[in-house]
């Protein structure tokens, strides 16, 4: 892929990465690995959504939605609602911090709290 058309390259102006704990654990990667085994169709949809996030035109609904406090969600409605929570970081990066599945329309407060804690941990360590 050394030769990418310039119009395509302009649209792919963000990178997506996964949050990693100080111990080297990548919770979103683990979530996706489990999803791939349990529900390959939802896994494929979420993976495609993460790829689309590299393009700023997908940073809004219906693919993505602001949750507040700097957090956003990538959402796929299937057998269960599957979400990956993420935030923007310096240098046009998107950091995915938490994955969750549930039957309801609302994301449980505990999932938002986990994502916020991970976002703050990432930001704290990035300032070192």
C-alpha atoms as a PDB file:
ATOM      1  CA  UNK A   1       0.000   0.000   0.000  1.00  0.00           C
ATOM      2  CA  UNK A   2       2.756   2.419  -0.823  1.00  0.00           C
ATOM      3  CA  UNK A   3       0.577   4.231  -3.347  1.00  0.00           C
ATOM      4  CA  UNK A   4      -2.650   5.527  -1.905  1.00  0.00           C
ATOM      5  CA  UNK A   5      -4.820   7.888  -3.906  1.00  0.00           C
ATOM      6  CA  UNK A   6      -4.664  11.365  -2.417  1.00  0.00           C
ATOM      7  CA  UNK A   7      -8.453  11.658  -2.009  1.00  0.00           C
ATOM      8  CA  UNK A   8      -8.481   8.440   0.020  1.00  0.00           C
ATOM      9  CA  UNK A   9      -5.472   9.509   2.081  1.00  0.00           C
ATOM     10  CA  UNK A  10      -7.134  12.832   2.951  1.00  0.00           C
ATOM     11  CA  UNK A  11     -10.142  11.033   4.408  1.00  0.00           C
ATOM     12  CA  UNK A  12      -8.058   8.670   6.538  1.00  0.00           C
ATOM     13  CA  UNK A  13      -6.689  11.312   8.816  1.00  0.00           C
ATOM     14  CA  UNK A  14      -7.103   9.677  12.243  1.00  0.00           C
ATOM     15  CA  UNK A  15      -5.536   6.589  13.740  1.00  0.00           C
ATOM     16  CA  UNK A  16      -7.372   4.245  16.080  1.00  0.00           C
ATOM     17  CA  UNK A  17      -5.536   2.575  18.942  1.00  0.00           C
ATOM     18  CA  UNK A  18      -6.521   0.543  21.983  1.00  0.00           C
ATOM     19  CA  UNK A  19      -5.992   1.620  25.569  1.00  0.00           C
ATOM     20  CA  UNK A  20      -3.379  -0.438  27.389  1.00  0.00           C
ATOM     21  CA  UNK A  21      -3.004  -0.681  31.164  1.00  0.00           C
ATOM     22  CA  UNK A  22       0.373  -0.247  32.825  1.00  0.00           C
ATOM     23  CA  UNK A  23       0.427  -4.056  33.143  1.00  0.00           C
ATOM     24  CA  UNK A  24       0.077  -4.400  29.356  1.00  0.00           C
ATOM     25  CA  UNK A  25      -3.572  -5.493  29.304  1.00  0.00           C
ATOM     26  CA  UNK A  26      -5.649  -4.262  26.358  1.00  0.00           C
ATOM     27  CA  UNK A  27      -9.302  -4.495  27.512  1.00  0.00           C
ATOM     28  CA  UNK A  28     -10.859  -3.531  24.167  1.00  0.00           C
ATOM     29  CA  UNK A  29      -8.717  -6.089  22.345  1.00  0.00           C
ATOM     30  CA  UNK A  30      -9.854  -8.736  24.834  1.00  0.00           C
ATOM     31  CA  UNK A  31     -13.482  -7.624  24.376  1.00  0.00           C
ATOM     32  CA  UNK A  32     -13.142  -7.899  20.592  1.00  0.00           C
ATOM     33  CA  UNK A  33     -11.469 -11.316  20.826  1.00  0.00           C
ATOM     34  CA  UNK A  34     -14.406 -12.581  22.892  1.00  0.00           C
ATOM     35  CA  UNK A  35     -16.906 -10.993  20.524  1.00  0.00           C
ATOM     36  CA  UNK A  36     -15.234 -12.613  17.527  1.00  0.00           C
ATOM     37  CA  UNK A  37     -15.707 -16.027  19.146  1.00  0.00           C
ATOM     38  CA  UNK A  38     -19.261 -15.459  20.372  1.00  0.00           C
ATOM     39  CA  UNK A  39     -20.790 -13.316  17.614  1.00  0.00           C
ATOM     40  CA  UNK A  40     -18.692 -13.059  14.433  1.00  0.00           C
ATOM     41  CA  UNK A  41     -21.267 -10.868  12.657  1.00  0.00           C
ATOM     42  CA  UNK A  42     -21.282  -8.225  15.390  1.00  0.00           C
ATOM     43  CA  UNK A  43     -17.484  -8.455  15.585  1.00  0.00           C
ATOM     44  CA  UNK A  44     -17.229  -7.731  11.854  1.00  0.00           C
ATOM     45  CA  UNK A  45     -19.615  -4.774  12.171  1.00  0.00           C
ATOM     46  CA  UNK A  46     -17.679  -3.257  15.091  1.00  0.00           C
ATOM     47  CA  UNK A  47     -14.355  -3.797  13.341  1.00  0.00           C
ATOM     48  CA  UNK A  48     -15.696  -2.074  10.221  1.00  0.00           C
ATOM     49  CA  UNK A  49     -16.919   0.777  12.423  1.00  0.00           C
ATOM     50  CA  UNK A  50     -13.487   1.192  14.005  1.00  0.00           C
ATOM     51  CA  UNK A  51     -11.961   1.402  10.532  1.00  0.00           C
ATOM     52  CA  UNK A  52     -14.533   4.042   9.530  1.00  0.00           C
ATOM     53  CA  UNK A  53     -13.610   6.165  12.565  1.00  0.00           C
ATOM     54  CA  UNK A  54     -10.325   6.969  10.854  1.00  0.00           C
ATOM     55  CA  UNK A  55     -12.419   9.237   8.637  1.00  0.00           C
ATOM     56  CA  UNK A  56     -13.804  12.339  10.366  1.00  0.00           C
ATOM     57  CA  UNK A  57     -17.138  12.132   8.532  1.00  0.00           C
ATOM     58  CA  UNK A  58     -18.025   9.149  10.762  1.00  0.00           C
ATOM     59  CA  UNK A  59     -17.448  10.998  14.046  1.00  0.00           C
ATOM     60  CA  UNK A  60     -21.167  11.701  14.294  1.00  0.00           C
ATOM     61  CA  UNK A  61     -24.422   9.781  14.315  1.00  0.00           C
ATOM     62  CA  UNK A  62     -25.457   7.242  13.261  1.00  0.00           C
ATOM     63  CA  UNK A  63     -22.051   5.515  13.682  1.00  0.00           C
ATOM     64  CA  UNK A  64     -20.752   7.528  16.598  1.00  0.00           C
ATOM     65  CA  UNK A  65     -22.356   9.497  19.405  1.00  0.00           C
ATOM     66  CA  UNK A  66     -20.981  11.875  22.038  1.00  0.00           C
ATOM     67  CA  UNK A  67     -21.585  10.690  25.600  1.00  0.00           C
ATOM     68  CA  UNK A  68     -20.131  13.724  27.399  1.00  0.00           C
ATOM     69  CA  UNK A  69     -16.900  14.340  29.322  1.00  0.00           C
ATOM     70  CA  UNK A  70     -14.911  13.735  26.123  1.00  0.00           C
ATOM     71  CA  UNK A  71     -16.224  10.200  25.613  1.00  0.00           C
ATOM     72  CA  UNK A  72     -17.886   8.889  22.470  1.00  0.00           C
ATOM     73  CA  UNK A  73     -19.470   5.586  21.577  1.00  0.00           C
ATOM     74  CA  UNK A  74     -19.306   3.482  18.454  1.00  0.00           C
ATOM     75  CA  UNK A  75     -22.523   1.485  18.435  1.00  0.00           C
ATOM     76  CA  UNK A  76     -23.816  -1.511  16.554  1.00  0.00           C
ATOM     77  CA  UNK A  77     -27.358  -2.762  17.053  1.00  0.00           C
ATOM     78  CA  UNK A  78     -27.630  -6.513  16.615  1.00  0.00           C
ATOM     79  CA  UNK A  79     -28.792  -9.366  18.839  1.00  0.00           C
ATOM     80  CA  UNK A  80     -27.357  -7.228  21.622  1.00  0.00           C
ATOM     81  CA  UNK A  81     -26.282  -3.599  21.454  1.00  0.00           C
ATOM     82  CA  UNK A  82     -22.507  -3.660  21.068  1.00  0.00           C
ATOM     83  CA  UNK A  83     -20.500  -0.567  21.909  1.00  0.00           C
ATOM     84  CA  UNK A  84     -16.900   0.567  21.968  1.00  0.00           C
ATOM     85  CA  UNK A  85     -16.244   3.733  23.964  1.00  0.00           C
ATOM     86  CA  UNK A  86     -13.461   6.022  22.832  1.00  0.00           C
ATOM     87  CA  UNK A  87     -11.974   9.520  23.034  1.00  0.00           C
ATOM     88  CA  UNK A  88      -9.856  11.861  20.925  1.00  0.00           C
ATOM     89  CA  UNK A  89      -6.167  12.250  21.769  1.00  0.00           C
ATOM     90  CA  UNK A  90      -3.384  14.493  20.452  1.00  0.00           C
ATOM     91  CA  UNK A  91      -1.988  13.966  16.978  1.00  0.00           C
ATOM     92  CA  UNK A  92      -5.331  12.962  15.467  1.00  0.00           C
ATOM     93  CA  UNK A  93      -5.614   9.751  17.438  1.00  0.00           C
ATOM     94  CA  UNK A  94      -8.684   7.936  18.685  1.00  0.00           C
ATOM     95  CA  UNK A  95      -8.196   5.750  21.750  1.00  0.00           C
ATOM     96  CA  UNK A  96     -10.712   2.948  22.333  1.00  0.00           C
ATOM     97  CA  UNK A  97     -10.999   2.361  26.078  1.00  0.00           C
ATOM     98  CA  UNK A  98     -13.961   0.057  26.755  1.00  0.00           C
ATOM     99  CA  UNK A  99     -16.268  -2.436  25.054  1.00  0.00           C
ATOM    100  CA  UNK A 100     -19.719  -3.445  26.284  1.00  0.00           C
ATOM    101  CA  UNK A 101     -22.831  -5.357  25.231  1.00  0.00           C
ATOM    102  CA  UNK A 102     -26.340  -5.095  26.609  1.00  0.00           C
ATOM    103  CA  UNK A 103     -29.969  -5.572  25.634  1.00  0.00           C
ATOM    104  CA  UNK A 104     -31.181  -2.096  26.559  1.00  0.00           C
ATOM    105  CA  UNK A 105     -30.915   1.180  24.703  1.00  0.00           C
ATOM    106  CA  UNK A 106     -29.073   2.863  27.566  1.00  0.00           C
ATOM    107  CA  UNK A 107     -25.461   2.203  28.353  1.00  0.00           C
ATOM    108  CA  UNK A 108     -25.113   1.288  32.054  1.00  0.00           C
ATOM    109  CA  UNK A 109     -23.452   3.987  34.173  1.00  0.00           C
ATOM    110  CA  UNK A 110     -20.782   1.494  35.315  1.00  0.00           C
ATOM    111  CA  UNK A 111     -19.566   1.127  31.713  1.00  0.00           C
ATOM    112  CA  UNK A 112     -19.255   4.887  31.322  1.00  0.00           C
ATOM    113  CA  UNK A 113     -17.394   5.074  34.645  1.00  0.00           C
ATOM    114  CA  UNK A 114     -14.923   2.368  33.548  1.00  0.00           C
ATOM    115  CA  UNK A 115     -14.325   4.204  30.265  1.00  0.00           C
ATOM    116  CA  UNK A 116     -13.770   7.524  32.055  1.00  0.00           C
ATOM    117  CA  UNK A 117     -11.299   5.937  34.480  1.00  0.00           C
ATOM    118  CA  UNK A 118      -9.342   4.409  31.609  1.00  0.00           C
ATOM    119  CA  UNK A 119      -9.397   7.664  29.650  1.00  0.00           C
ATOM    120  CA  UNK A 120      -8.044   9.581  32.648  1.00  0.00           C
ATOM    121  CA  UNK A 121      -5.398   6.921  33.266  1.00  0.00           C
ATOM    122  CA  UNK A 122      -4.287   7.124  29.631  1.00  0.00           C
ATOM    123  CA  UNK A 123      -4.171  10.931  29.757  1.00  0.00           C
ATOM    124  CA  UNK A 124      -2.221  10.922  33.020  1.00  0.00           C
ATOM    125  CA  UNK A 125       0.376   8.531  31.645  1.00  0.00           C
ATOM    126  CA  UNK A 126       0.592  10.409  28.322  1.00  0.00           C
ATOM    127  CA  UNK A 127       1.644  13.580  30.182  1.00  0.00           C
ATOM    128  CA  UNK A 128       4.687  11.958  31.742  1.00  0.00           C
END
